[in-house]
Amino acid sequence: MKITFGFAAHSGWAALVILGGPLEEPEVIDRRRVDLVQEEWAKAPYHAAEELEAVEARKLVQLGVQAAHKNAKRQMKDLIKWTQKYDYELAGCAVLMGNPMPSWSTDEILAVHFRMHKAEGVLFRKALASAAENCGLKLFRVPEKDLDNYSLKTLAIPFTRVQTILTQLGKAIGPPWTKDQKDATLAAMIALHGKPL
C-alpha cells in the first residue's frame, strides 16, 4: 500500500498520522505523538536562553536548534524503517507550515518576546521538513493557516466532502481525534492524492 506521513508540529513534539488508501476512503495506518526533544528546556530554547548573557544565550539556542534537527532526523529514520518492516510504499511526507519568519539573528529574536514564540513555532516544523528532505522523502509543505483552501485546490473535491471523510475516519478509529490529528490527516491526504499547484 502507498502511504504518506502527515505532521502537525508543536514545541518539542508533533502529531503524526500515517495515511493510505484511496482519496474517498482513506485508511489511518497509524497515529502517534512524535517527541522531538530529549530535555525539557529544549522545547523552548529561546525562552531557556532569555536570561543568559548574549554569548551563552546564543550557544544554548544553537544547542536547542541542533537537538531539534537531530531528533527529528532520528525519528524520521525510525519511521521509515517501520514502513519498510511492513512493506509500505512511502510516497511522501507532509508538514504543516506556518508563515515564514524574517531573517532575525538570535540576538534580535531574544530582544522581543513574541519573536521567541515565533522562532520556536518555526523551529520544529523546519526540523521535520529538513529531516524528511535529508532522508530522501518527497516533501509537501502544506500551509497550516490556509489548509481548507489549499486542500480544495489540490484535492479537487468540495471541502464539505473532505470534512465528511475526516469525520468518518475519526468515528472509525476513535479518540483521540483532535484538530492536530485531523489537520495532520488532511496534510497526509494532500501528499498522497493532491495535484501540484
C-alpha atoms as a PDB file:
ATOM      1  CA  MET A   1       0.000   0.000   0.000  1.00  0.00           C
ATOM      2  CA  LYS A   2       1.158   3.514  -0.800  1.00  0.00           C
ATOM      3  CA  ILE A   3       1.232   5.720   2.303  1.00  0.00           C
ATOM      4  CA  THR A   4       2.232   9.221   3.422  1.00  0.00           C
ATOM      5  CA  PHE A   5       3.154  10.906   6.683  1.00  0.00           C
ATOM      6  CA  GLY A   6       1.294  13.993   7.891  1.00  0.00           C
ATOM      7  CA  PHE A   7       2.814  16.090  10.704  1.00  0.00           C
ATOM      8  CA  ALA A   8       1.330  18.855  12.834  1.00  0.00           C
ATOM      9  CA  ALA A   9       4.220  20.234  14.922  1.00  0.00           C
ATOM     10  CA  HIS A  10       4.265  21.885  18.332  1.00  0.00           C
ATOM     11  CA  SER A  11       7.034  22.961  20.689  1.00  0.00           C
ATOM     12  CA  GLY A  12       9.019  19.800  21.274  1.00  0.00           C
ATOM     13  CA  TRP A  13       6.647  17.304  19.670  1.00  0.00           C
ATOM     14  CA  ALA A  14       4.406  16.615  16.690  1.00  0.00           C
ATOM     15  CA  ALA A  15       1.179  14.775  15.962  1.00  0.00           C
ATOM     16  CA  LEU A  16       1.775  12.228  13.201  1.00  0.00           C
ATOM     17  CA  VAL A  17      -0.835  10.479  11.080  1.00  0.00           C
ATOM     18  CA  ILE A  18       0.217   7.811   8.596  1.00  0.00           C
ATOM     19  CA  LEU A  19      -2.371   7.523   5.845  1.00  0.00           C
ATOM     20  CA  GLY A  20      -3.019   5.151   2.967  1.00  0.00           C
ATOM     21  CA  GLY A  21      -5.832   4.099   0.667  1.00  0.00           C
ATOM     22  CA  PRO A  22      -7.985   5.890  -1.905  1.00  0.00           C
ATOM     23  CA  LEU A  23      -8.991   9.535  -1.545  1.00  0.00           C
ATOM     24  CA  GLU A  24     -12.671   8.819  -0.903  1.00  0.00           C
ATOM     25  CA  GLU A  25     -11.988   6.008   1.588  1.00  0.00           C
ATOM     26  CA  PRO A  26      -8.589   6.611   3.191  1.00  0.00           C
ATOM     27  CA  GLU A  27      -7.242   4.483   5.987  1.00  0.00           C
ATOM     28  CA  VAL A  28      -5.321   5.674   9.028  1.00  0.00           C
ATOM     29  CA  ILE A  29      -2.460   3.192   9.197  1.00  0.00           C
ATOM     30  CA  ASP A  30      -1.073   4.652  12.414  1.00  0.00           C
ATOM     31  CA  ARG A  31      -1.191   7.798  14.514  1.00  0.00           C
ATOM     32  CA  ARG A  32       1.148   8.789  17.266  1.00  0.00           C
ATOM     33  CA  ARG A  33       2.908  11.547  19.136  1.00  0.00           C
ATOM     34  CA  VAL A  34       6.480  12.053  17.964  1.00  0.00           C
ATOM     35  CA  ASP A  35       8.809  13.565  20.557  1.00  0.00           C
ATOM     36  CA  LEU A  36      11.368  15.972  19.100  1.00  0.00           C
ATOM     37  CA  VAL A  37      13.294  16.802  22.280  1.00  0.00           C
ATOM     38  CA  GLN A  38      15.011  14.788  24.963  1.00  0.00           C
ATOM     39  CA  GLU A  39      15.400  17.529  27.562  1.00  0.00           C
ATOM     40  CA  GLU A  40      12.610  19.752  28.857  1.00  0.00           C
ATOM     41  CA  TRP A  41      14.404  23.069  28.221  1.00  0.00           C
ATOM     42  CA  ALA A  42      14.835  22.198  24.526  1.00  0.00           C
ATOM     43  CA  LYS A  43      11.061  22.567  23.942  1.00  0.00           C
ATOM     44  CA  ALA A  44      11.609  26.318  24.132  1.00  0.00           C
ATOM     45  CA  PRO A  45      15.324  27.042  23.609  1.00  0.00           C
ATOM     46  CA  TYR A  46      14.860  30.793  23.116  1.00  0.00           C
ATOM     47  CA  HIS A  47      12.921  31.064  26.368  1.00  0.00           C
ATOM     48  CA  ALA A  48      15.572  28.945  28.108  1.00  0.00           C
ATOM     49  CA  ALA A  49      18.233  31.416  26.919  1.00  0.00           C
ATOM     50  CA  GLU A  50      16.255  34.568  27.725  1.00  0.00           C
ATOM     51  CA  GLU A  51      18.052  35.482  30.965  1.00  0.00           C
ATOM     52  CA  LEU A  52      21.564  34.475  29.878  1.00  0.00           C
ATOM     53  CA  GLU A  53      24.395  36.707  28.719  1.00  0.00           C
ATOM     54  CA  ALA A  54      24.489  37.131  24.923  1.00  0.00           C
ATOM     55  CA  VAL A  55      27.297  34.649  24.188  1.00  0.00           C
ATOM     56  CA  GLU A  56      25.845  31.945  26.439  1.00  0.00           C
ATOM     57  CA  ALA A  57      22.341  32.618  25.094  1.00  0.00           C
ATOM     58  CA  ARG A  58      23.484  32.115  21.516  1.00  0.00           C
ATOM     59  CA  LYS A  59      25.241  28.858  22.476  1.00  0.00           C
ATOM     60  CA  LEU A  60      22.170  27.488  24.237  1.00  0.00           C
ATOM     61  CA  VAL A  61      19.853  28.402  21.348  1.00  0.00           C
ATOM     62  CA  GLN A  62      22.250  26.762  18.883  1.00  0.00           C
ATOM     63  CA  LEU A  63      22.301  23.594  21.003  1.00  0.00           C
ATOM     64  CA  GLY A  64      18.485  23.581  21.068  1.00  0.00           C
ATOM     65  CA  VAL A  65      18.189  24.065  17.311  1.00  0.00           C
ATOM     66  CA  GLN A  66      20.756  21.338  16.629  1.00  0.00           C
ATOM     67  CA  ALA A  67      18.988  18.964  19.039  1.00  0.00           C
ATOM     68  CA  ALA A  68      15.619  19.563  17.347  1.00  0.00           C
ATOM     69  CA  HIS A  69      17.060  18.766  13.924  1.00  0.00           C
ATOM     70  CA  LYS A  70      18.966  15.734  15.197  1.00  0.00           C
ATOM     71  CA  ASN A  71      15.917  14.304  16.989  1.00  0.00           C
ATOM     72  CA  ALA A  72      13.621  14.963  14.014  1.00  0.00           C
ATOM     73  CA  LYS A  73      16.026  13.145  11.694  1.00  0.00           C
ATOM     74  CA  ARG A  74      16.336  10.211  14.099  1.00  0.00           C
ATOM     75  CA  GLN A  75      12.548   9.939  14.407  1.00  0.00           C
ATOM     76  CA  MET A  76      12.116  10.170  10.618  1.00  0.00           C
ATOM     77  CA  LYS A  77      14.647   7.385  10.061  1.00  0.00           C
ATOM     78  CA  ASP A  78      12.843   5.206  12.627  1.00  0.00           C
ATOM     79  CA  LEU A  79       9.505   5.848  10.906  1.00  0.00           C
ATOM     80  CA  ILE A  80      10.965   4.957   7.512  1.00  0.00           C
ATOM     81  CA  LYS A  81      12.320   1.692   8.959  1.00  0.00           C
ATOM     82  CA  TRP A  82       8.862   0.974  10.373  1.00  0.00           C
ATOM     83  CA  THR A  83       7.254   1.427   6.926  1.00  0.00           C
ATOM     84  CA  GLN A  84       9.862  -0.879   5.367  1.00  0.00           C
ATOM     85  CA  LYS A  85       9.217  -3.527   8.013  1.00  0.00           C
ATOM     86  CA  TYR A  86       5.553  -3.655   6.957  1.00  0.00           C
ATOM     87  CA  ASP A  87       6.280  -3.326   3.218  1.00  0.00           C
ATOM     88  CA  TYR A  88       4.523   0.010   2.769  1.00  0.00           C
ATOM     89  CA  GLU A  89       5.482   2.231  -0.144  1.00  0.00           C
ATOM     90  CA  LEU A  90       6.237   5.643   1.348  1.00  0.00           C
ATOM     91  CA  ALA A  91       5.098   8.246  -1.192  1.00  0.00           C
ATOM     92  CA  GLY A  92       5.965  11.374   0.760  1.00  0.00           C
ATOM     93  CA  CYS A  93       5.794  13.448   3.899  1.00  0.00           C
ATOM     94  CA  ALA A  94       3.589  16.477   4.567  1.00  0.00           C
ATOM     95  CA  VAL A  95       4.465  19.038   7.221  1.00  0.00           C
ATOM     96  CA  LEU A  96       2.015  21.761   8.173  1.00  0.00           C
ATOM     97  CA  MET A  97       3.966  25.002   7.915  1.00  0.00           C
ATOM     98  CA  GLY A  98       3.345  28.468   9.338  1.00  0.00           C
ATOM     99  CA  ASN A  99       4.259  31.812   7.832  1.00  0.00           C
ATOM    100  CA  PRO A 100       7.989  32.212   7.148  1.00  0.00           C
ATOM    101  CA  MET A 101       9.988  34.075   9.746  1.00  0.00           C
ATOM    102  CA  PRO A 102      12.047  37.167   8.951  1.00  0.00           C
ATOM    103  CA  SER A 103      15.807  36.577   8.944  1.00  0.00           C
ATOM    104  CA  TRP A 104      16.284  37.769  12.512  1.00  0.00           C
ATOM    105  CA  SER A 105      19.515  36.977  14.329  1.00  0.00           C
ATOM    106  CA  THR A 106      19.384  35.114  17.646  1.00  0.00           C
ATOM    107  CA  ASP A 107      20.005  38.410  19.445  1.00  0.00           C
ATOM    108  CA  GLU A 108      17.128  40.084  17.586  1.00  0.00           C
ATOM    109  CA  ILE A 109      14.804  37.190  18.463  1.00  0.00           C
ATOM    110  CA  LEU A 110      15.777  37.267  22.144  1.00  0.00           C
ATOM    111  CA  ALA A 111      15.218  41.037  22.285  1.00  0.00           C
ATOM    112  CA  VAL A 112      11.448  40.767  21.646  1.00  0.00           C
ATOM    113  CA  HIS A 113       9.325  38.181  23.468  1.00  0.00           C
ATOM    114  CA  PHE A 114       6.805  37.483  20.689  1.00  0.00           C
ATOM    115  CA  ARG A 115       9.726  36.750  18.346  1.00  0.00           C
ATOM    116  CA  MET A 116      10.826  33.946  20.665  1.00  0.00           C
ATOM    117  CA  HIS A 117       7.388  32.338  20.347  1.00  0.00           C
ATOM    118  CA  LYS A 118       7.513  32.757  16.563  1.00  0.00           C
ATOM    119  CA  ALA A 119      11.026  31.260  16.344  1.00  0.00           C
ATOM    120  CA  GLU A 120      10.083  28.265  18.484  1.00  0.00           C
ATOM    121  CA  GLY A 121       6.946  27.741  16.396  1.00  0.00           C
ATOM    122  CA  VAL A 122       9.020  27.663  13.220  1.00  0.00           C
ATOM    123  CA  LEU A 123      11.841  25.549  14.689  1.00  0.00           C
ATOM    124  CA  PHE A 124      10.106  22.186  14.945  1.00  0.00           C
ATOM    125  CA  ARG A 125       8.247  22.490  11.646  1.00  0.00           C
ATOM    126  CA  LYS A 126      11.529  23.332   9.947  1.00  0.00           C
ATOM    127  CA  ALA A 127      13.298  20.441  11.715  1.00  0.00           C
ATOM    128  CA  LEU A 128      10.686  17.951  10.450  1.00  0.00           C
ATOM    129  CA  ALA A 129      10.787  19.339   6.906  1.00  0.00           C
ATOM    130  CA  SER A 130      14.575  19.197   6.885  1.00  0.00           C
ATOM    131  CA  ALA A 131      14.553  15.644   8.264  1.00  0.00           C
ATOM    132  CA  ALA A 132      12.166  14.497   5.525  1.00  0.00           C
ATOM    133  CA  GLU A 133      14.349  16.023   2.816  1.00  0.00           C
ATOM    134  CA  ASN A 134      17.569  14.656   4.364  1.00  0.00           C
ATOM    135  CA  CYS A 135      16.003  11.189   4.379  1.00  0.00           C
ATOM    136  CA  GLY A 136      15.158  11.482   0.680  1.00  0.00           C
ATOM    137  CA  LEU A 137      11.390  11.818   1.089  1.00  0.00           C
ATOM    138  CA  LYS A 138       9.225  13.876  -1.215  1.00  0.00           C
ATOM    139  CA  LEU A 139       8.271  16.821   0.996  1.00  0.00           C
ATOM    140  CA  PHE A 140       4.935  18.621   0.883  1.00  0.00           C
ATOM    141  CA  ARG A 141       4.970  21.936   2.740  1.00  0.00           C
ATOM    142  CA  VAL A 142       1.290  22.479   3.499  1.00  0.00           C
ATOM    143  CA  PRO A 143       0.217  25.963   4.664  1.00  0.00           C
ATOM    144  CA  GLU A 144      -1.484  25.500   8.034  1.00  0.00           C
ATOM    145  CA  LYS A 145      -3.327  28.834   8.039  1.00  0.00           C
ATOM    146  CA  ASP A 146      -4.838  28.238   4.588  1.00  0.00           C
ATOM    147  CA  LEU A 147      -5.344  24.485   4.919  1.00  0.00           C
ATOM    148  CA  ASP A 148      -9.025  24.487   3.868  1.00  0.00           C
ATOM    149  CA  ASN A 149      -8.450  26.427   0.634  1.00  0.00           C
ATOM    150  CA  TYR A 150      -5.208  24.614  -0.103  1.00  0.00           C
ATOM    151  CA  SER A 151      -6.910  21.226   0.213  1.00  0.00           C
ATOM    152  CA  LEU A 152      -9.749  22.380  -2.039  1.00  0.00           C
ATOM    153  CA  LYS A 153      -7.271  23.379  -4.750  1.00  0.00           C
ATOM    154  CA  THR A 154      -5.030  20.317  -4.501  1.00  0.00           C
ATOM    155  CA  LEU A 155      -7.565  17.549  -3.843  1.00  0.00           C
ATOM    156  CA  ALA A 156     -10.179  18.947  -6.239  1.00  0.00           C
ATOM    157  CA  ILE A 157     -13.135  17.787  -4.152  1.00  0.00           C
ATOM    158  CA  PRO A 158     -15.502  20.034  -2.158  1.00  0.00           C
ATOM    159  CA  PHE A 159     -14.269  20.844   1.326  1.00  0.00           C
ATOM    160  CA  THR A 160     -17.579  19.612   2.774  1.00  0.00           C
ATOM    161  CA  ARG A 161     -16.673  16.185   1.371  1.00  0.00           C
ATOM    162  CA  VAL A 162     -13.222  16.398   2.945  1.00  0.00           C
ATOM    163  CA  GLN A 163     -14.844  17.200   6.305  1.00  0.00           C
ATOM    164  CA  THR A 164     -17.161  14.195   5.938  1.00  0.00           C
ATOM    165  CA  ILE A 165     -14.192  11.927   5.173  1.00  0.00           C
ATOM    166  CA  LEU A 166     -12.315  13.237   8.247  1.00  0.00           C
ATOM    167  CA  THR A 167     -15.398  12.760  10.459  1.00  0.00           C
ATOM    168  CA  GLN A 168     -15.852   9.182   9.229  1.00  0.00           C
ATOM    169  CA  LEU A 169     -12.183   8.423   9.868  1.00  0.00           C
ATOM    170  CA  GLY A 170     -12.481   9.773  13.412  1.00  0.00           C
ATOM    171  CA  LYS A 171     -15.505   7.583  14.119  1.00  0.00           C
ATOM    172  CA  ALA A 172     -13.761   4.542  12.688  1.00  0.00           C
ATOM    173  CA  ILE A 173     -10.578   4.835  14.732  1.00  0.00           C
ATOM    174  CA  GLY A 174     -11.932   6.543  17.879  1.00  0.00           C
ATOM    175  CA  PRO A 175     -10.359   9.133  20.151  1.00  0.00           C
ATOM    176  CA  PRO A 176      -8.115  10.991  20.298  1.00  0.00           C
ATOM    177  CA  TRP A 177      -9.288  12.747  17.133  1.00  0.00           C
ATOM    178  CA  THR A 178      -8.383  16.356  17.830  1.00  0.00           C
ATOM    179  CA  LYS A 179      -7.646  19.228  15.457  1.00  0.00           C
ATOM    180  CA  ASP A 180      -3.998  18.065  15.381  1.00  0.00           C
ATOM    181  CA  GLN A 181      -4.904  14.611  14.092  1.00  0.00           C
ATOM    182  CA  LYS A 182      -7.445  15.979  11.606  1.00  0.00           C
ATOM    183  CA  ASP A 183      -5.030  18.569  10.217  1.00  0.00           C
ATOM    184  CA  ALA A 184      -2.178  16.034  10.034  1.00  0.00           C
ATOM    185  CA  THR A 185      -4.534  13.625   8.237  1.00  0.00           C
ATOM    186  CA  LEU A 186      -5.579  16.280   5.741  1.00  0.00           C
ATOM    187  CA  ALA A 187      -1.925  17.140   5.105  1.00  0.00           C
ATOM    188  CA  ALA A 188      -1.212  13.432   4.510  1.00  0.00           C
ATOM    189  CA  MET A 189      -4.202  13.248   2.115  1.00  0.00           C
ATOM    190  CA  ILE A 190      -2.760  16.173   0.154  1.00  0.00           C
ATOM    191  CA  ALA A 191       0.631  14.439  -0.039  1.00  0.00           C
ATOM    192  CA  LEU A 192      -0.991  11.177  -1.149  1.00  0.00           C
ATOM    193  CA  HIS A 193      -3.620  12.435  -3.586  1.00  0.00           C
ATOM    194  CA  GLY A 194      -3.105  16.158  -4.185  1.00  0.00           C
ATOM    195  CA  LYS A 195      -2.425  17.734  -7.537  1.00  0.00           C
ATOM    196  CA  PRO A 196       0.633  20.031  -7.630  1.00  0.00           C
ATOM    197  CA  LEU A 197      -0.236  23.742  -7.652  1.00  0.00           C
END
